[in-house]
Amino acid sequence: MTWNKFLQPDLALGDSILSLTPEIIQHYELKGLVLDVDETLVPITVGAASPELKAWVEQVRTHTALWLVSNNLSEARIGSIARSLNLPYYLGAAKPSRKKIRAALQAMDLPVHQVGMVGDRLFTDVLAGNRLGMFTILVEPILHPDAVLRSHPIRNFEVWLSEILGASIITHDTKIHKD
């Protein structure tokens, strides 16, 4: 597989995870989602899930198995977020390593092609998911309001480098039209 294929998300939402609707999930025939935590679900400086995220999880979990897989090493932080959402989790994943994502896939007992890897980073979340053959979904990071005015240099660099390597990060309309 070439670099552009490793770094190419199957779906780039152009918005936060909160715009990933059950209709979109069903459209792509996904039965499970592995979710990154930091800046995918909560700002890195926040230790609790927002009411909006809790509502999103409740809506999505009726259709889809959910599992958190984070590179973060803080059991107190990631465990607290996972417990508040009533979701299973792994921390210290060292993505793009596939080990803990494989463990989540095994626990979900779903074929890899029916599970989406959802994250805000190309070189960790998308790369790991693509290496496993998962459906990869790139979302915009959820940032703390104080950080929104600052640029996001690591992610901007990843997008720039991915495009140089041949990946196309084109955001898709989040509305699924039913025929």
Protein backbone atom coordinates (compact mmCIF):
# COMPACT_ATOMS: atom_id res chain seq x y z
CA MET A 1 0.00 0.00 0.00
CA THR A 2 1.32 3.45 -0.89
CA TRP A 3 1.57 6.34 1.57
CA ASN A 4 -1.34 8.17 -0.02
CA LYS A 5 -3.54 5.10 0.60
CA PHE A 6 -2.38 4.81 4.22
CA LEU A 7 -3.17 8.47 4.90
CA GLN A 8 -6.38 8.74 2.88
CA PRO A 9 -9.49 8.74 5.08
CA ASP A 10 -12.52 7.02 3.61
CA LEU A 11 -14.63 9.91 4.88
CA ALA A 12 -13.54 13.41 5.95
CA LEU A 13 -16.47 15.09 7.66
CA GLY A 14 -15.22 18.66 7.83
CA ASP A 15 -16.97 18.97 11.20
CA SER A 16 -16.72 17.48 14.70
CA ILE A 17 -17.73 13.94 15.61
CA LEU A 18 -21.10 15.33 16.68
CA SER A 19 -22.01 15.56 12.97
CA LEU A 20 -21.46 11.81 12.50
CA THR A 21 -25.10 10.76 12.47
CA PRO A 22 -26.66 7.31 12.68
CA GLU A 23 -27.75 7.84 9.06
CA ILE A 24 -24.14 8.32 7.92
CA ILE A 25 -23.02 5.31 9.96
CA GLN A 26 -25.78 3.16 8.47
CA HIS A 27 -25.10 4.49 4.96
CA TYR A 28 -21.57 3.06 5.16
CA GLU A 29 -22.89 -0.16 6.76
CA LEU A 30 -20.81 0.26 9.91
CA LYS A 31 -21.73 -1.84 12.93
CA GLY A 32 -19.00 -0.50 15.23
CA LEU A 33 -16.82 2.55 15.81
CA VAL A 34 -13.43 2.81 17.48
CA LEU A 35 -13.16 6.37 18.77
CA ASP A 36 -10.08 8.42 19.54
CA VAL A 37 -10.55 10.56 22.67
CA ASP A 38 -8.31 13.65 22.82
CA GLU A 39 -9.67 16.36 20.53
CA THR A 40 -11.94 13.84 18.81
CA LEU A 41 -14.38 13.62 21.73
CA VAL A 42 -13.13 16.23 24.19
CA PRO A 43 -10.56 19.03 24.17
CA ILE A 44 -7.21 17.81 25.49
CA THR A 45 -7.47 20.16 28.48
CA VAL A 46 -10.93 18.92 29.51
CA GLY A 47 -11.49 15.87 31.71
CA ALA A 48 -15.23 15.38 31.23
CA ALA A 49 -17.64 14.65 28.41
CA SER A 50 -19.94 17.49 27.37
CA PRO A 51 -23.72 17.08 27.52
CA GLU A 52 -23.71 17.21 23.69
CA LEU A 53 -21.22 14.34 23.50
CA LYS A 54 -23.20 12.29 26.02
CA ALA A 55 -26.35 12.80 23.92
CA TRP A 56 -24.42 11.83 20.75
CA VAL A 57 -23.14 8.62 22.37
CA GLU A 58 -26.64 7.69 23.55
CA GLN A 59 -28.06 8.26 20.07
CA VAL A 60 -25.29 6.35 18.24
CA ARG A 61 -24.97 3.42 20.66
CA THR A 62 -28.48 2.24 19.80
CA HIS A 63 -27.21 1.40 16.29
CA THR A 64 -23.48 0.89 16.72
CA ALA A 65 -20.96 -0.73 19.07
CA LEU A 66 -18.55 1.89 20.48
CA TRP A 67 -15.06 1.53 21.94
CA LEU A 68 -12.56 4.21 23.00
CA VAL A 69 -8.88 3.80 22.07
CA SER A 70 -6.59 6.62 23.19
CA ASN A 71 -2.87 7.30 23.01
CA ASN A 72 -3.21 9.19 26.30
CA LEU A 73 -1.62 7.45 29.29
CA SER A 74 -3.78 9.06 32.00
CA GLU A 75 -6.02 6.40 33.52
CA ALA A 76 -7.67 9.08 35.67
CA ARG A 77 -8.61 11.24 32.67
CA ILE A 78 -9.45 8.66 30.01
CA GLY A 79 -11.09 6.32 32.52
CA SER A 80 -13.25 9.14 33.84
CA ILE A 81 -14.38 10.14 30.34
CA ALA A 82 -15.07 6.50 29.41
CA ARG A 83 -17.05 5.87 32.61
CA SER A 84 -19.11 9.04 32.12
CA LEU A 85 -20.04 7.74 28.65
CA ASN A 86 -20.41 4.15 29.88
CA LEU A 87 -17.99 2.93 27.20
CA PRO A 88 -15.15 0.40 27.25
CA TYR A 89 -11.68 1.78 26.58
CA TYR A 90 -7.98 1.24 26.08
CA LEU A 91 -5.39 3.87 26.84
CA GLY A 92 -1.71 4.12 25.92
CA ALA A 93 -2.48 2.78 22.44
CA ALA A 94 0.62 4.30 20.77
CA LYS A 95 -1.29 4.72 17.49
CA PRO A 96 -0.47 4.17 14.67
CA SER A 97 0.28 0.88 16.46
CA ARG A 98 -2.59 -1.50 15.80
CA LYS A 99 -2.36 -3.66 18.93
CA LYS A 100 -5.04 -2.02 21.10
CA ILE A 101 -7.31 -1.30 18.14
CA ARG A 102 -7.13 -5.02 17.28
CA ALA A 103 -8.08 -5.81 20.89
CA ALA A 104 -11.10 -3.48 20.61
CA LEU A 105 -12.08 -5.12 17.30
CA GLN A 106 -11.83 -8.55 18.89
CA ALA A 107 -13.97 -7.43 21.84
CA MET A 108 -16.61 -6.04 19.46
CA ASP A 109 -16.58 -9.34 17.54
CA LEU A 110 -17.25 -7.59 14.23
CA PRO A 111 -15.55 -7.95 10.84
CA VAL A 112 -12.91 -5.25 10.44
CA HIS A 113 -14.60 -3.78 7.35
CA GLN A 114 -17.76 -3.12 9.40
CA VAL A 115 -15.92 -0.99 11.98
CA GLY A 116 -14.98 2.65 11.53
CA MET A 117 -11.89 4.24 13.05
CA VAL A 118 -12.85 7.80 13.99
CA GLY A 119 -10.26 10.42 14.86
CA ASP A 120 -8.93 13.89 14.27
CA ARG A 121 -5.38 12.92 13.24
CA LEU A 122 -4.11 11.47 9.97
CA PHE A 123 -0.79 10.06 11.21
CA THR A 124 -2.29 8.25 14.18
CA ASP A 125 -6.00 7.49 13.78
CA VAL A 126 -6.38 7.29 9.99
CA LEU A 127 -3.03 5.58 9.48
CA ALA A 128 -3.76 2.91 12.13
CA GLY A 129 -7.27 2.29 10.83
CA ASN A 130 -6.14 2.02 7.22
CA ARG A 131 -3.35 -0.39 8.19
CA LEU A 132 -6.04 -2.68 9.63
CA GLY A 133 -8.45 -2.33 6.70
CA MET A 134 -11.02 -0.37 8.70
CA PHE A 135 -13.30 2.35 7.31
CA THR A 136 -11.54 5.55 8.41
CA ILE A 137 -13.33 8.76 9.33
CA LEU A 138 -11.45 12.02 9.83
CA VAL A 139 -13.26 14.59 11.96
CA GLU A 140 -12.36 18.13 12.88
CA PRO A 141 -10.84 18.44 16.35
CA ILE A 142 -12.93 19.58 19.29
CA LEU A 143 -10.85 22.32 20.85
CA HIS A 144 -11.14 24.23 24.09
CA PRO A 145 -12.70 27.67 23.36
CA ASP A 146 -9.47 29.40 24.49
CA ALA A 147 -7.46 27.39 21.94
CA VAL A 148 -9.78 27.92 18.98
CA LEU A 149 -8.09 31.17 17.98
CA ARG A 150 -4.69 29.48 17.80
CA SER A 151 -3.74 27.41 14.80
CA HIS A 152 -3.49 23.64 15.00
CA PRO A 153 0.09 23.24 13.68
CA ILE A 154 0.53 19.45 13.98
CA ARG A 155 -2.75 18.65 12.24
CA ASN A 156 -2.14 21.32 9.59
CA PHE A 157 1.31 19.82 8.92
CA GLU A 158 -0.19 16.31 8.67
CA VAL A 159 -2.78 17.44 6.12
CA TRP A 160 -0.14 19.32 4.11
CA LEU A 161 2.27 16.34 4.10
CA SER A 162 -0.52 13.88 3.30
CA GLU A 163 -1.52 15.92 0.28
CA ILE A 164 2.10 16.06 -0.91
CA LEU A 165 2.19 12.26 -0.61
CA GLY A 166 -0.94 12.02 -2.75
CA ALA A 167 -3.81 11.77 -0.27
CA SER A 168 -6.86 13.91 -0.97
CA ILE A 169 -8.48 15.36 2.13
CA ILE A 170 -11.79 16.51 0.69
CA THR A 171 -14.59 16.98 3.17
CA HIS A 172 -17.92 15.40 2.39
CA ASP A 173 -21.44 16.65 2.92
CA THR A 174 -22.69 15.11 6.15
CA LYS A 175 -26.26 14.89 4.88
CA ILE A 176 -27.13 11.49 3.51
CA HIS A 177 -29.81 11.76 0.88
CA LYS A 178 -32.28 8.92 0.76
CA ASP A 179 -33.44 7.99 -2.71
